[in-house]
N, C-alpha and C. Protein backbone atom coordinates (compact mmCIF):
# COMPACT_ATOMS: atom_id res chain seq x y z
N MET A 1 14.11 -43.74 -0.27
CA MET A 1 14.55 -43.81 1.13
C MET A 1 13.92 -42.66 1.93
N LYS A 2 13.27 -42.98 3.04
CA LYS A 2 12.59 -41.96 3.82
C LYS A 2 13.58 -41.13 4.62
N ARG A 3 13.28 -39.84 4.74
CA ARG A 3 14.11 -38.96 5.53
C ARG A 3 13.76 -39.12 7.01
N VAL A 4 14.76 -38.96 7.87
CA VAL A 4 14.56 -39.06 9.31
C VAL A 4 14.84 -37.70 9.95
N ILE A 5 13.88 -37.21 10.74
CA ILE A 5 14.02 -35.94 11.45
C ILE A 5 14.38 -36.24 12.91
N THR A 6 15.50 -35.67 13.34
CA THR A 6 15.93 -35.85 14.73
C THR A 6 15.88 -34.50 15.45
N VAL A 7 16.27 -34.50 16.70
CA VAL A 7 16.25 -33.28 17.51
C VAL A 7 17.04 -32.15 16.84
N GLN A 8 18.16 -32.50 16.21
CA GLN A 8 19.02 -31.49 15.58
C GLN A 8 18.33 -30.76 14.42
N ASP A 9 17.28 -31.36 13.87
CA ASP A 9 16.59 -30.76 12.72
C ASP A 9 15.46 -29.82 13.13
N VAL A 10 15.14 -29.77 14.41
CA VAL A 10 14.01 -28.97 14.88
C VAL A 10 14.46 -27.52 15.07
N PRO A 11 13.80 -26.56 14.40
CA PRO A 11 14.18 -25.14 14.56
C PRO A 11 13.79 -24.60 15.93
N SER A 12 14.27 -23.42 16.23
CA SER A 12 14.00 -22.83 17.55
C SER A 12 12.58 -22.32 17.69
N CYS A 13 11.92 -22.06 16.56
CA CYS A 13 10.54 -21.58 16.58
C CYS A 13 9.94 -21.74 15.20
N GLY A 14 8.68 -21.37 15.05
CA GLY A 14 8.04 -21.39 13.74
C GLY A 14 7.50 -22.75 13.35
N GLU A 15 7.83 -23.19 12.13
CA GLU A 15 7.30 -24.43 11.58
C GLU A 15 8.43 -25.29 11.03
N LEU A 16 8.15 -26.57 10.96
CA LEU A 16 9.06 -27.52 10.32
C LEU A 16 8.24 -28.24 9.26
N ARG A 17 8.56 -28.01 8.00
CA ARG A 17 7.81 -28.61 6.90
C ARG A 17 8.60 -29.78 6.34
N VAL A 18 7.97 -30.93 6.28
CA VAL A 18 8.64 -32.14 5.83
C VAL A 18 7.75 -32.88 4.84
N PRO A 19 8.34 -33.72 3.97
CA PRO A 19 7.52 -34.51 3.05
C PRO A 19 6.69 -35.55 3.79
N VAL A 20 5.54 -35.87 3.23
CA VAL A 20 4.69 -36.91 3.80
C VAL A 20 5.47 -38.22 3.86
N GLY A 21 5.37 -38.92 4.97
CA GLY A 21 6.09 -40.18 5.12
C GLY A 21 7.42 -40.06 5.82
N THR A 22 7.82 -38.82 6.15
CA THR A 22 9.08 -38.61 6.85
C THR A 22 9.01 -39.24 8.24
N ILE A 23 10.10 -39.87 8.65
CA ILE A 23 10.19 -40.45 9.99
C ILE A 23 10.63 -39.36 10.96
N ILE A 24 9.82 -39.11 11.97
CA ILE A 24 10.14 -38.09 12.98
C ILE A 24 10.31 -38.81 14.31
N THR A 25 11.50 -38.72 14.88
CA THR A 25 11.76 -39.44 16.13
C THR A 25 10.91 -38.87 17.26
N PRO A 26 10.57 -39.70 18.24
CA PRO A 26 9.79 -39.23 19.39
C PRO A 26 10.46 -38.05 20.10
N SER A 27 11.77 -38.09 20.22
CA SER A 27 12.46 -36.98 20.89
C SER A 27 12.35 -35.69 20.08
N ALA A 28 12.35 -35.81 18.75
CA ALA A 28 12.19 -34.63 17.90
C ALA A 28 10.80 -34.03 18.08
N ARG A 29 9.80 -34.88 18.16
CA ARG A 29 8.42 -34.39 18.37
C ARG A 29 8.30 -33.71 19.74
N GLU A 30 8.98 -34.29 20.73
CA GLU A 30 8.92 -33.72 22.07
C GLU A 30 9.57 -32.34 22.10
N VAL A 31 10.72 -32.21 21.46
CA VAL A 31 11.41 -30.92 21.42
C VAL A 31 10.58 -29.90 20.64
N ALA A 32 9.98 -30.33 19.54
CA ALA A 32 9.14 -29.44 18.75
C ALA A 32 7.97 -28.92 19.59
N ALA A 33 7.37 -29.80 20.36
CA ALA A 33 6.24 -29.38 21.21
C ALA A 33 6.70 -28.40 22.28
N THR A 34 7.88 -28.64 22.85
CA THR A 34 8.42 -27.74 23.87
C THR A 34 8.69 -26.36 23.30
N ARG A 35 9.17 -26.31 22.07
CA ARG A 35 9.52 -25.03 21.44
C ARG A 35 8.33 -24.37 20.74
N GLY A 36 7.21 -25.05 20.71
CA GLY A 36 6.05 -24.50 20.02
C GLY A 36 6.16 -24.56 18.51
N VAL A 37 6.97 -25.49 18.00
CA VAL A 37 7.17 -25.64 16.56
C VAL A 37 6.12 -26.59 15.99
N ARG A 38 5.42 -26.11 14.97
CA ARG A 38 4.43 -26.96 14.29
C ARG A 38 5.13 -27.80 13.25
N ILE A 39 4.84 -29.10 13.23
CA ILE A 39 5.39 -29.98 12.21
C ILE A 39 4.32 -30.20 11.15
N LEU A 40 4.60 -29.78 9.93
CA LEU A 40 3.64 -29.91 8.83
C LEU A 40 4.17 -30.92 7.82
N GLU A 41 3.39 -31.97 7.57
CA GLU A 41 3.76 -32.97 6.57
C GLU A 41 3.00 -32.65 5.29
N LEU A 42 3.75 -32.35 4.24
CA LEU A 42 3.15 -31.92 2.98
C LEU A 42 3.64 -32.79 1.83
N PRO A 43 2.83 -32.94 0.77
CA PRO A 43 3.29 -33.66 -0.43
C PRO A 43 4.50 -32.97 -1.04
N GLU A 44 5.36 -33.74 -1.70
CA GLU A 44 6.59 -33.20 -2.28
C GLU A 44 6.31 -32.02 -3.21
N GLU A 45 5.23 -32.13 -4.00
CA GLU A 45 4.94 -31.07 -4.96
C GLU A 45 4.60 -29.75 -4.27
N GLN A 46 3.95 -29.85 -3.11
CA GLN A 46 3.65 -28.63 -2.36
C GLN A 46 4.90 -28.02 -1.75
N LEU A 47 5.79 -28.86 -1.26
CA LEU A 47 7.04 -28.37 -0.69
C LEU A 47 7.88 -27.66 -1.73
N SER A 48 7.95 -28.23 -2.92
CA SER A 48 8.78 -27.63 -3.98
C SER A 48 8.18 -26.34 -4.50
N ALA A 49 6.85 -26.17 -4.29
CA ALA A 49 6.18 -24.96 -4.78
C ALA A 49 6.27 -23.80 -3.80
N LEU A 50 6.73 -24.07 -2.58
CA LEU A 50 6.81 -23.01 -1.57
C LEU A 50 7.84 -21.96 -1.97
N ALA A 51 7.49 -20.71 -1.76
CA ALA A 51 8.39 -19.62 -2.12
C ALA A 51 9.58 -19.60 -1.17
N PRO A 52 10.78 -19.23 -1.66
CA PRO A 52 11.94 -19.11 -0.77
C PRO A 52 11.75 -17.93 0.18
N PRO A 53 12.47 -17.91 1.30
CA PRO A 53 12.29 -16.85 2.29
C PRO A 53 12.43 -15.44 1.72
N ASP A 54 13.37 -15.22 0.79
CA ASP A 54 13.57 -13.87 0.29
C ASP A 54 12.42 -13.39 -0.59
N LYS A 55 11.53 -14.31 -0.95
CA LYS A 55 10.35 -13.95 -1.73
C LYS A 55 9.07 -14.05 -0.91
N THR A 56 9.23 -14.28 0.40
CA THR A 56 8.08 -14.46 1.28
C THR A 56 7.97 -13.30 2.26
N LEU A 57 6.78 -12.76 2.41
CA LEU A 57 6.52 -11.69 3.37
C LEU A 57 5.44 -12.14 4.33
N ALA A 58 5.76 -12.14 5.62
CA ALA A 58 4.77 -12.49 6.65
C ALA A 58 3.88 -11.27 6.90
N LEU A 59 2.58 -11.49 6.94
CA LEU A 59 1.63 -10.39 7.08
C LEU A 59 0.59 -10.74 8.12
N GLY A 60 0.39 -9.84 9.09
CA GLY A 60 -0.60 -10.09 10.12
C GLY A 60 -1.22 -8.81 10.63
N ALA A 61 -2.40 -8.91 11.20
CA ALA A 61 -3.10 -7.74 11.72
C ALA A 61 -4.14 -8.16 12.75
N ASP A 62 -4.41 -7.26 13.68
CA ASP A 62 -5.54 -7.49 14.59
C ASP A 62 -6.80 -6.98 13.90
N HIS A 63 -7.91 -6.93 14.63
CA HIS A 63 -9.16 -6.48 14.02
C HIS A 63 -9.08 -5.04 13.51
N GLY A 64 -8.28 -4.21 14.20
CA GLY A 64 -8.15 -2.82 13.77
C GLY A 64 -7.37 -2.66 12.48
N GLY A 65 -6.54 -3.64 12.16
CA GLY A 65 -5.74 -3.57 10.94
C GLY A 65 -6.20 -4.50 9.84
N PHE A 66 -7.27 -5.27 10.12
CA PHE A 66 -7.71 -6.29 9.17
C PHE A 66 -7.99 -5.73 7.78
N ALA A 67 -8.78 -4.67 7.71
CA ALA A 67 -9.16 -4.12 6.40
C ALA A 67 -7.93 -3.64 5.62
N LEU A 68 -6.99 -3.00 6.30
CA LEU A 68 -5.79 -2.53 5.62
C LEU A 68 -4.92 -3.72 5.19
N LYS A 69 -4.84 -4.75 6.02
CA LYS A 69 -4.09 -5.96 5.64
C LYS A 69 -4.62 -6.52 4.32
N GLU A 70 -5.92 -6.65 4.24
CA GLU A 70 -6.52 -7.20 3.02
C GLU A 70 -6.28 -6.30 1.82
N ALA A 71 -6.31 -4.98 2.05
CA ALA A 71 -6.11 -4.03 0.96
C ALA A 71 -4.67 -4.03 0.44
N LEU A 72 -3.71 -4.36 1.33
CA LEU A 72 -2.30 -4.32 0.93
C LEU A 72 -1.83 -5.60 0.23
N LYS A 73 -2.58 -6.67 0.35
CA LYS A 73 -2.17 -7.94 -0.26
C LYS A 73 -1.91 -7.83 -1.77
N PRO A 74 -2.81 -7.22 -2.54
CA PRO A 74 -2.56 -7.13 -3.98
C PRO A 74 -1.28 -6.37 -4.31
N LEU A 75 -0.97 -5.33 -3.56
CA LEU A 75 0.26 -4.57 -3.79
C LEU A 75 1.48 -5.45 -3.55
N ILE A 76 1.47 -6.17 -2.44
CA ILE A 76 2.60 -7.05 -2.11
C ILE A 76 2.81 -8.10 -3.20
N GLU A 77 1.73 -8.70 -3.64
CA GLU A 77 1.81 -9.73 -4.67
C GLU A 77 2.24 -9.15 -6.02
N SER A 78 1.84 -7.90 -6.30
CA SER A 78 2.24 -7.27 -7.56
C SER A 78 3.74 -6.98 -7.60
N LEU A 79 4.37 -6.96 -6.42
CA LEU A 79 5.81 -6.73 -6.34
C LEU A 79 6.60 -8.03 -6.38
N GLY A 80 5.92 -9.12 -6.68
CA GLY A 80 6.59 -10.40 -6.86
C GLY A 80 6.84 -11.16 -5.57
N LEU A 81 6.13 -10.81 -4.50
CA LEU A 81 6.30 -11.48 -3.22
C LEU A 81 5.10 -12.38 -2.91
N VAL A 82 5.35 -13.42 -2.16
CA VAL A 82 4.29 -14.32 -1.72
C VAL A 82 3.90 -13.93 -0.30
N VAL A 83 2.62 -13.71 -0.07
CA VAL A 83 2.12 -13.31 1.25
C VAL A 83 1.89 -14.53 2.12
N ARG A 84 2.47 -14.51 3.30
CA ARG A 84 2.19 -15.54 4.31
C ARG A 84 1.29 -14.88 5.36
N ASP A 85 -0.01 -15.03 5.18
CA ASP A 85 -1.01 -14.37 6.02
C ASP A 85 -1.22 -15.18 7.30
N VAL A 86 -0.88 -14.58 8.45
CA VAL A 86 -1.02 -15.28 9.74
C VAL A 86 -2.29 -14.87 10.48
N GLY A 87 -3.14 -14.08 9.83
CA GLY A 87 -4.40 -13.66 10.45
C GLY A 87 -4.36 -12.19 10.87
N VAL A 88 -5.47 -11.70 11.37
CA VAL A 88 -6.75 -12.37 11.52
C VAL A 88 -7.42 -12.49 10.15
N TYR A 89 -8.41 -13.37 10.09
CA TYR A 89 -9.07 -13.64 8.82
C TYR A 89 -10.48 -13.08 8.76
N GLU A 90 -10.88 -12.41 9.81
CA GLU A 90 -12.15 -11.70 9.83
C GLU A 90 -12.06 -10.60 10.87
N GLU A 91 -12.97 -9.65 10.77
CA GLU A 91 -12.88 -8.47 11.63
C GLU A 91 -13.55 -8.70 12.98
N LYS A 92 -12.99 -9.65 13.74
CA LYS A 92 -13.44 -9.91 15.10
C LYS A 92 -12.35 -9.49 16.07
N PRO A 93 -12.69 -9.08 17.29
CA PRO A 93 -11.69 -8.62 18.25
C PRO A 93 -10.55 -9.63 18.41
N ALA A 94 -9.31 -9.11 18.36
CA ALA A 94 -8.11 -9.93 18.50
C ALA A 94 -7.05 -9.09 19.18
N ASP A 95 -6.10 -9.74 19.81
CA ASP A 95 -5.04 -9.03 20.53
C ASP A 95 -3.82 -8.85 19.64
N TYR A 96 -3.42 -7.59 19.45
CA TYR A 96 -2.30 -7.30 18.55
C TYR A 96 -0.99 -8.01 18.92
N PRO A 97 -0.67 -8.26 20.22
CA PRO A 97 0.59 -8.95 20.49
C PRO A 97 0.65 -10.35 19.87
N ASP A 98 -0.50 -11.03 19.82
CA ASP A 98 -0.53 -12.38 19.26
C ASP A 98 -0.17 -12.37 17.78
N LEU A 99 -0.74 -11.42 17.04
CA LEU A 99 -0.49 -11.36 15.60
C LEU A 99 0.91 -10.84 15.29
N ALA A 100 1.35 -9.85 16.05
CA ALA A 100 2.70 -9.32 15.84
C ALA A 100 3.74 -10.40 16.13
N ARG A 101 3.47 -11.20 17.15
CA ARG A 101 4.41 -12.28 17.48
C ARG A 101 4.50 -13.30 16.35
N LYS A 102 3.36 -13.66 15.77
CA LYS A 102 3.37 -14.63 14.67
C LYS A 102 4.20 -14.12 13.50
N VAL A 103 4.01 -12.85 13.15
CA VAL A 103 4.80 -12.25 12.06
C VAL A 103 6.28 -12.26 12.42
N ALA A 104 6.59 -11.79 13.62
CA ALA A 104 7.99 -11.68 14.04
C ALA A 104 8.69 -13.03 14.08
N GLU A 105 8.01 -14.06 14.54
CA GLU A 105 8.63 -15.37 14.63
C GLU A 105 8.93 -15.95 13.26
N LEU A 106 8.08 -15.72 12.29
CA LEU A 106 8.36 -16.20 10.93
C LEU A 106 9.60 -15.53 10.36
N VAL A 107 9.78 -14.25 10.69
CA VAL A 107 10.97 -13.53 10.23
C VAL A 107 12.21 -14.01 10.99
N ALA A 108 12.09 -14.12 12.31
CA ALA A 108 13.23 -14.54 13.13
C ALA A 108 13.70 -15.94 12.78
N CYS A 109 12.76 -16.81 12.43
CA CYS A 109 13.12 -18.20 12.10
C CYS A 109 13.57 -18.36 10.66
N GLY A 110 13.49 -17.30 9.87
CA GLY A 110 13.98 -17.38 8.50
C GLY A 110 12.98 -17.88 7.49
N THR A 111 11.72 -18.10 7.90
CA THR A 111 10.70 -18.53 6.95
C THR A 111 10.35 -17.41 5.98
N ALA A 112 10.35 -16.18 6.50
CA ALA A 112 10.10 -14.99 5.68
C ALA A 112 11.23 -13.99 5.92
N ALA A 113 11.68 -13.35 4.85
CA ALA A 113 12.77 -12.38 4.99
C ALA A 113 12.29 -11.10 5.68
N ARG A 114 11.03 -10.74 5.46
CA ARG A 114 10.47 -9.54 6.08
C ARG A 114 9.03 -9.79 6.49
N GLY A 115 8.53 -8.89 7.35
CA GLY A 115 7.17 -9.02 7.81
C GLY A 115 6.51 -7.67 7.98
N VAL A 116 5.19 -7.67 7.97
CA VAL A 116 4.39 -6.46 8.19
C VAL A 116 3.30 -6.80 9.19
N ALA A 117 3.23 -6.00 10.27
CA ALA A 117 2.20 -6.18 11.30
C ALA A 117 1.40 -4.89 11.41
N ILE A 118 0.08 -5.03 11.47
CA ILE A 118 -0.80 -3.86 11.44
C ILE A 118 -1.79 -3.91 12.60
N ASP A 119 -1.92 -2.78 13.28
CA ASP A 119 -3.00 -2.62 14.26
C ASP A 119 -3.52 -1.19 14.14
N GLY A 120 -4.28 -0.75 15.11
CA GLY A 120 -4.88 0.58 14.99
C GLY A 120 -3.87 1.70 14.89
N ALA A 121 -2.85 1.68 15.77
CA ALA A 121 -1.84 2.74 15.78
C ALA A 121 -0.48 2.26 15.33
N GLY A 122 -0.25 0.95 15.35
CA GLY A 122 1.04 0.41 14.94
C GLY A 122 2.08 0.36 16.05
N ILE A 123 1.80 1.05 17.14
CA ILE A 123 2.76 1.14 18.24
C ILE A 123 2.87 -0.18 18.99
N GLY A 124 1.74 -0.73 19.37
CA GLY A 124 1.73 -1.98 20.13
C GLY A 124 2.37 -3.12 19.37
N SER A 125 2.08 -3.22 18.08
CA SER A 125 2.68 -4.29 17.28
C SER A 125 4.19 -4.15 17.20
N SER A 126 4.67 -2.91 17.13
CA SER A 126 6.11 -2.67 17.10
C SER A 126 6.76 -3.13 18.40
N ILE A 127 6.15 -2.77 19.52
CA ILE A 127 6.70 -3.16 20.82
C ILE A 127 6.72 -4.68 20.95
N ALA A 128 5.61 -5.33 20.59
CA ALA A 128 5.52 -6.78 20.72
C ALA A 128 6.51 -7.48 19.80
N ALA A 129 6.58 -7.07 18.55
CA ALA A 129 7.48 -7.72 17.59
C ALA A 129 8.93 -7.61 18.02
N ASN A 130 9.29 -6.48 18.61
CA ASN A 130 10.69 -6.26 19.01
C ASN A 130 11.10 -7.09 20.22
N LYS A 131 10.16 -7.78 20.85
CA LYS A 131 10.51 -8.70 21.93
C LYS A 131 11.04 -10.02 21.40
N VAL A 132 10.87 -10.29 20.12
CA VAL A 132 11.34 -11.54 19.52
C VAL A 132 12.79 -11.35 19.07
N PRO A 133 13.72 -12.11 19.63
CA PRO A 133 15.13 -11.96 19.25
C PRO A 133 15.34 -12.08 17.74
N GLY A 134 16.15 -11.18 17.22
CA GLY A 134 16.43 -11.19 15.78
C GLY A 134 15.56 -10.27 14.97
N VAL A 135 14.55 -9.69 15.62
CA VAL A 135 13.63 -8.80 14.91
C VAL A 135 13.95 -7.34 15.21
N ARG A 136 13.94 -6.54 14.15
CA ARG A 136 14.07 -5.08 14.28
C ARG A 136 12.83 -4.48 13.62
N ALA A 137 11.81 -4.26 14.44
CA ALA A 137 10.54 -3.75 13.93
C ALA A 137 10.50 -2.24 14.00
N ALA A 138 10.00 -1.62 12.95
CA ALA A 138 9.94 -0.16 12.87
C ALA A 138 8.52 0.29 12.55
N LEU A 139 8.01 1.18 13.37
CA LEU A 139 6.73 1.83 13.08
C LEU A 139 7.02 2.99 12.13
N CYS A 140 6.47 2.92 10.94
CA CYS A 140 6.72 3.96 9.93
C CYS A 140 5.41 4.62 9.54
N TYR A 141 5.47 5.92 9.32
CA TYR A 141 4.26 6.71 9.07
C TYR A 141 4.35 7.56 7.82
N ASP A 142 5.51 7.54 7.13
CA ASP A 142 5.64 8.22 5.85
C ASP A 142 6.83 7.61 5.11
N LYS A 143 7.06 8.07 3.88
CA LYS A 143 8.12 7.48 3.07
C LYS A 143 9.50 7.74 3.67
N ALA A 144 9.68 8.89 4.31
CA ALA A 144 10.98 9.22 4.90
C ALA A 144 11.33 8.28 6.05
N SER A 145 10.36 8.01 6.92
CA SER A 145 10.62 7.10 8.04
C SER A 145 10.83 5.67 7.55
N ALA A 146 10.09 5.28 6.51
CA ALA A 146 10.27 3.94 5.94
C ALA A 146 11.66 3.79 5.35
N ARG A 147 12.11 4.79 4.62
CA ARG A 147 13.44 4.75 4.00
C ARG A 147 14.53 4.71 5.07
N ASN A 148 14.38 5.56 6.09
CA ASN A 148 15.39 5.62 7.15
C ASN A 148 15.48 4.29 7.90
N SER A 149 14.34 3.68 8.18
CA SER A 149 14.34 2.44 8.96
C SER A 149 15.05 1.31 8.22
N ARG A 150 15.05 1.37 6.91
CA ARG A 150 15.74 0.35 6.12
C ARG A 150 17.21 0.73 5.92
N GLU A 151 17.48 1.95 5.49
CA GLU A 151 18.85 2.37 5.20
C GLU A 151 19.73 2.35 6.45
N HIS A 152 19.22 2.87 7.56
CA HIS A 152 20.02 3.04 8.77
C HIS A 152 19.90 1.89 9.75
N ASN A 153 18.69 1.31 9.86
CA ASN A 153 18.43 0.34 10.94
C ASN A 153 18.27 -1.10 10.46
N ASP A 154 18.25 -1.30 9.15
CA ASP A 154 18.05 -2.64 8.59
C ASP A 154 16.83 -3.32 9.20
N SER A 155 15.73 -2.58 9.31
CA SER A 155 14.51 -3.14 9.89
C SER A 155 14.02 -4.31 9.04
N ASN A 156 13.53 -5.34 9.70
CA ASN A 156 13.00 -6.49 8.97
C ASN A 156 11.51 -6.73 9.20
N VAL A 157 10.92 -5.92 10.08
CA VAL A 157 9.47 -5.93 10.26
C VAL A 157 8.97 -4.49 10.24
N LEU A 158 7.96 -4.25 9.45
CA LEU A 158 7.32 -2.93 9.36
C LEU A 158 5.99 -3.00 10.10
N THR A 159 5.72 -2.00 10.96
CA THR A 159 4.40 -1.94 11.59
C THR A 159 3.69 -0.67 11.12
N LEU A 160 2.40 -0.81 10.93
CA LEU A 160 1.58 0.27 10.39
C LEU A 160 0.37 0.51 11.28
N GLY A 161 -0.04 1.77 11.38
CA GLY A 161 -1.23 2.14 12.12
C GLY A 161 -2.39 2.37 11.17
N ALA A 162 -3.33 1.44 11.16
CA ALA A 162 -4.43 1.51 10.20
C ALA A 162 -5.35 2.70 10.42
N ARG A 163 -5.39 3.20 11.66
CA ARG A 163 -6.26 4.34 11.94
C ARG A 163 -5.53 5.67 11.76
N LEU A 164 -4.26 5.61 11.48
CA LEU A 164 -3.47 6.83 11.32
C LEU A 164 -3.05 7.10 9.88
N LEU A 165 -3.23 6.10 9.02
CA LEU A 165 -2.83 6.22 7.62
C LEU A 165 -4.00 5.90 6.71
N THR A 166 -4.08 6.60 5.60
CA THR A 166 -5.03 6.20 4.56
C THR A 166 -4.44 4.99 3.83
N GLN A 167 -5.24 4.33 3.03
CA GLN A 167 -4.71 3.19 2.27
C GLN A 167 -3.59 3.64 1.33
N THR A 168 -3.77 4.79 0.70
CA THR A 168 -2.74 5.30 -0.22
C THR A 168 -1.44 5.59 0.52
N GLN A 169 -1.54 6.20 1.69
CA GLN A 169 -0.34 6.49 2.47
C GLN A 169 0.36 5.20 2.90
N ALA A 170 -0.44 4.22 3.33
CA ALA A 170 0.14 2.94 3.75
C ALA A 170 0.83 2.25 2.57
N GLU A 171 0.23 2.33 1.41
CA GLU A 171 0.85 1.74 0.22
C GLU A 171 2.18 2.41 -0.10
N ASP A 172 2.22 3.72 0.03
CA ASP A 172 3.47 4.46 -0.23
C ASP A 172 4.56 4.05 0.76
N VAL A 173 4.18 3.93 2.03
CA VAL A 173 5.13 3.53 3.06
C VAL A 173 5.65 2.12 2.78
N LEU A 174 4.75 1.21 2.50
CA LEU A 174 5.13 -0.18 2.27
C LEU A 174 6.00 -0.32 1.03
N ARG A 175 5.62 0.34 -0.04
CA ARG A 175 6.39 0.26 -1.28
C ARG A 175 7.81 0.79 -1.07
N THR A 176 7.92 1.91 -0.36
CA THR A 176 9.23 2.50 -0.08
C THR A 176 10.07 1.58 0.79
N TRP A 177 9.44 1.02 1.82
CA TRP A 177 10.15 0.13 2.75
C TRP A 177 10.69 -1.09 2.04
N LEU A 178 9.88 -1.68 1.17
CA LEU A 178 10.31 -2.88 0.45
C LEU A 178 11.39 -2.59 -0.58
N ALA A 179 11.37 -1.38 -1.13
CA ALA A 179 12.31 -1.05 -2.20
C ALA A 179 13.66 -0.53 -1.70
N THR A 180 13.74 -0.20 -0.42
CA THR A 180 14.95 0.44 0.11
C THR A 180 15.91 -0.60 0.70
N PRO A 181 17.15 -0.66 0.21
CA PRO A 181 18.13 -1.60 0.78
C PRO A 181 18.82 -1.02 2.01
N PHE A 182 19.39 -1.88 2.81
CA PHE A 182 20.19 -1.45 3.94
C PHE A 182 21.47 -0.82 3.41
N ALA A 183 21.85 0.33 3.94
CA ALA A 183 23.00 1.07 3.42
C ALA A 183 24.33 0.48 3.86
N GLY A 184 24.34 -0.26 4.97
CA GLY A 184 25.60 -0.83 5.45
C GLY A 184 26.57 0.26 5.90
N GLY A 185 27.86 0.04 5.68
CA GLY A 185 28.86 1.04 6.04
C GLY A 185 28.83 1.35 7.52
N ARG A 186 28.81 2.64 7.84
CA ARG A 186 28.82 3.05 9.25
C ARG A 186 27.58 2.57 10.00
N HIS A 187 26.49 2.34 9.26
CA HIS A 187 25.25 1.88 9.89
C HIS A 187 25.37 0.43 10.37
N GLN A 188 26.22 -0.34 9.73
CA GLN A 188 26.38 -1.75 10.12
C GLN A 188 26.86 -1.87 11.56
N ALA A 189 27.81 -1.02 11.93
CA ALA A 189 28.34 -1.06 13.29
C ALA A 189 27.27 -0.71 14.32
N ARG A 190 26.38 0.19 13.95
CA ARG A 190 25.33 0.61 14.87
C ARG A 190 24.26 -0.47 15.01
N VAL A 191 23.93 -1.10 13.90
CA VAL A 191 22.98 -2.21 13.97
C VAL A 191 23.58 -3.35 14.79
N GLN A 192 24.88 -3.56 14.65
CA GLN A 192 25.54 -4.61 15.43
C GLN A 192 25.44 -4.30 16.92
N LYS A 193 25.50 -3.04 17.29
CA LYS A 193 25.35 -2.67 18.70
C LYS A 193 23.95 -2.99 19.21
N ILE A 194 22.95 -2.85 18.35
CA ILE A 194 21.59 -3.24 18.72
C ILE A 194 21.55 -4.74 18.97
N ILE A 195 22.17 -5.49 18.08
CA ILE A 195 22.22 -6.95 18.23
C ILE A 195 22.98 -7.34 19.49
N ASP A 196 24.05 -6.62 19.79
CA ASP A 196 24.84 -6.91 20.99
C ASP A 196 24.03 -6.69 22.27
N ILE A 197 23.21 -5.63 22.29
CA ILE A 197 22.35 -5.39 23.45
C ILE A 197 21.39 -6.56 23.64
N GLU A 198 20.78 -6.99 22.54
CA GLU A 198 19.84 -8.11 22.59
C GLU A 198 20.53 -9.37 23.11
N GLN A 199 21.71 -9.66 22.57
CA GLN A 199 22.44 -10.86 22.99
C GLN A 199 22.85 -10.79 24.46
N HIS A 200 23.21 -9.60 24.93
CA HIS A 200 23.60 -9.40 26.32
C HIS A 200 22.48 -9.82 27.28
N TYR A 201 21.27 -9.38 26.98
CA TYR A 201 20.16 -9.70 27.87
C TYR A 201 19.64 -11.12 27.69
N LEU A 202 19.84 -11.68 26.51
CA LEU A 202 19.48 -13.08 26.31
C LEU A 202 20.38 -13.97 27.16
N LYS A 203 21.66 -13.61 27.21
CA LYS A 203 22.61 -14.39 28.03
C LYS A 203 22.27 -14.29 29.52
N LYS A 204 21.84 -13.09 29.95
CA LYS A 204 21.49 -12.90 31.36
C LYS A 204 20.28 -13.74 31.72
N VAL A 205 19.32 -13.82 30.80
CA VAL A 205 18.10 -14.59 31.07
C VAL A 205 18.41 -16.08 31.14
N SER A 206 19.30 -16.55 30.25
CA SER A 206 19.60 -17.98 30.19
C SER A 206 20.56 -18.44 31.27
N SER A 207 21.26 -17.50 31.91
CA SER A 207 22.25 -17.88 32.93
C SER A 207 21.61 -18.05 34.31
């Protein structure tokens, strides 16, 4: 029996992956197009082989971060994570907001539990990623800042400055960030206040 995708099944952003042969209603396709959601029809075996969100890391970089992105992939994979590379795929000029947004949206939509965005300084990617609701992006430059951003702020996107860190330093930051859990406790209330600020302005925009 074929599955039917209706408007209610379309996520707010990102991708919708369905088995080949799935019936997608015209209204669902229209809503997906409005939201910028890509509908991907894949064979059942490919769908079952996809890594779960908690094992998926979204990774993106502009031309300034391309080389570091490629260098960090083996480390990420050695830690048991599947890399979802959103580009760039060659060292040609690209705009960091575009790549940071792609990473942030995969995290916000739940496709990936965490993300890493890289540009020359890491600042622009952090600013851009934090415009996506649900994302707490942190620019980290050493192990202490990486640890703090996870323990205290529950950051879910890490941004790195490829021109400010050596590959070894970036690896140390990334490894620490991935290994550090959110501390919760008194920090939970503070993170909730960050979420409340975001929700406050989202309501103002939608009203």
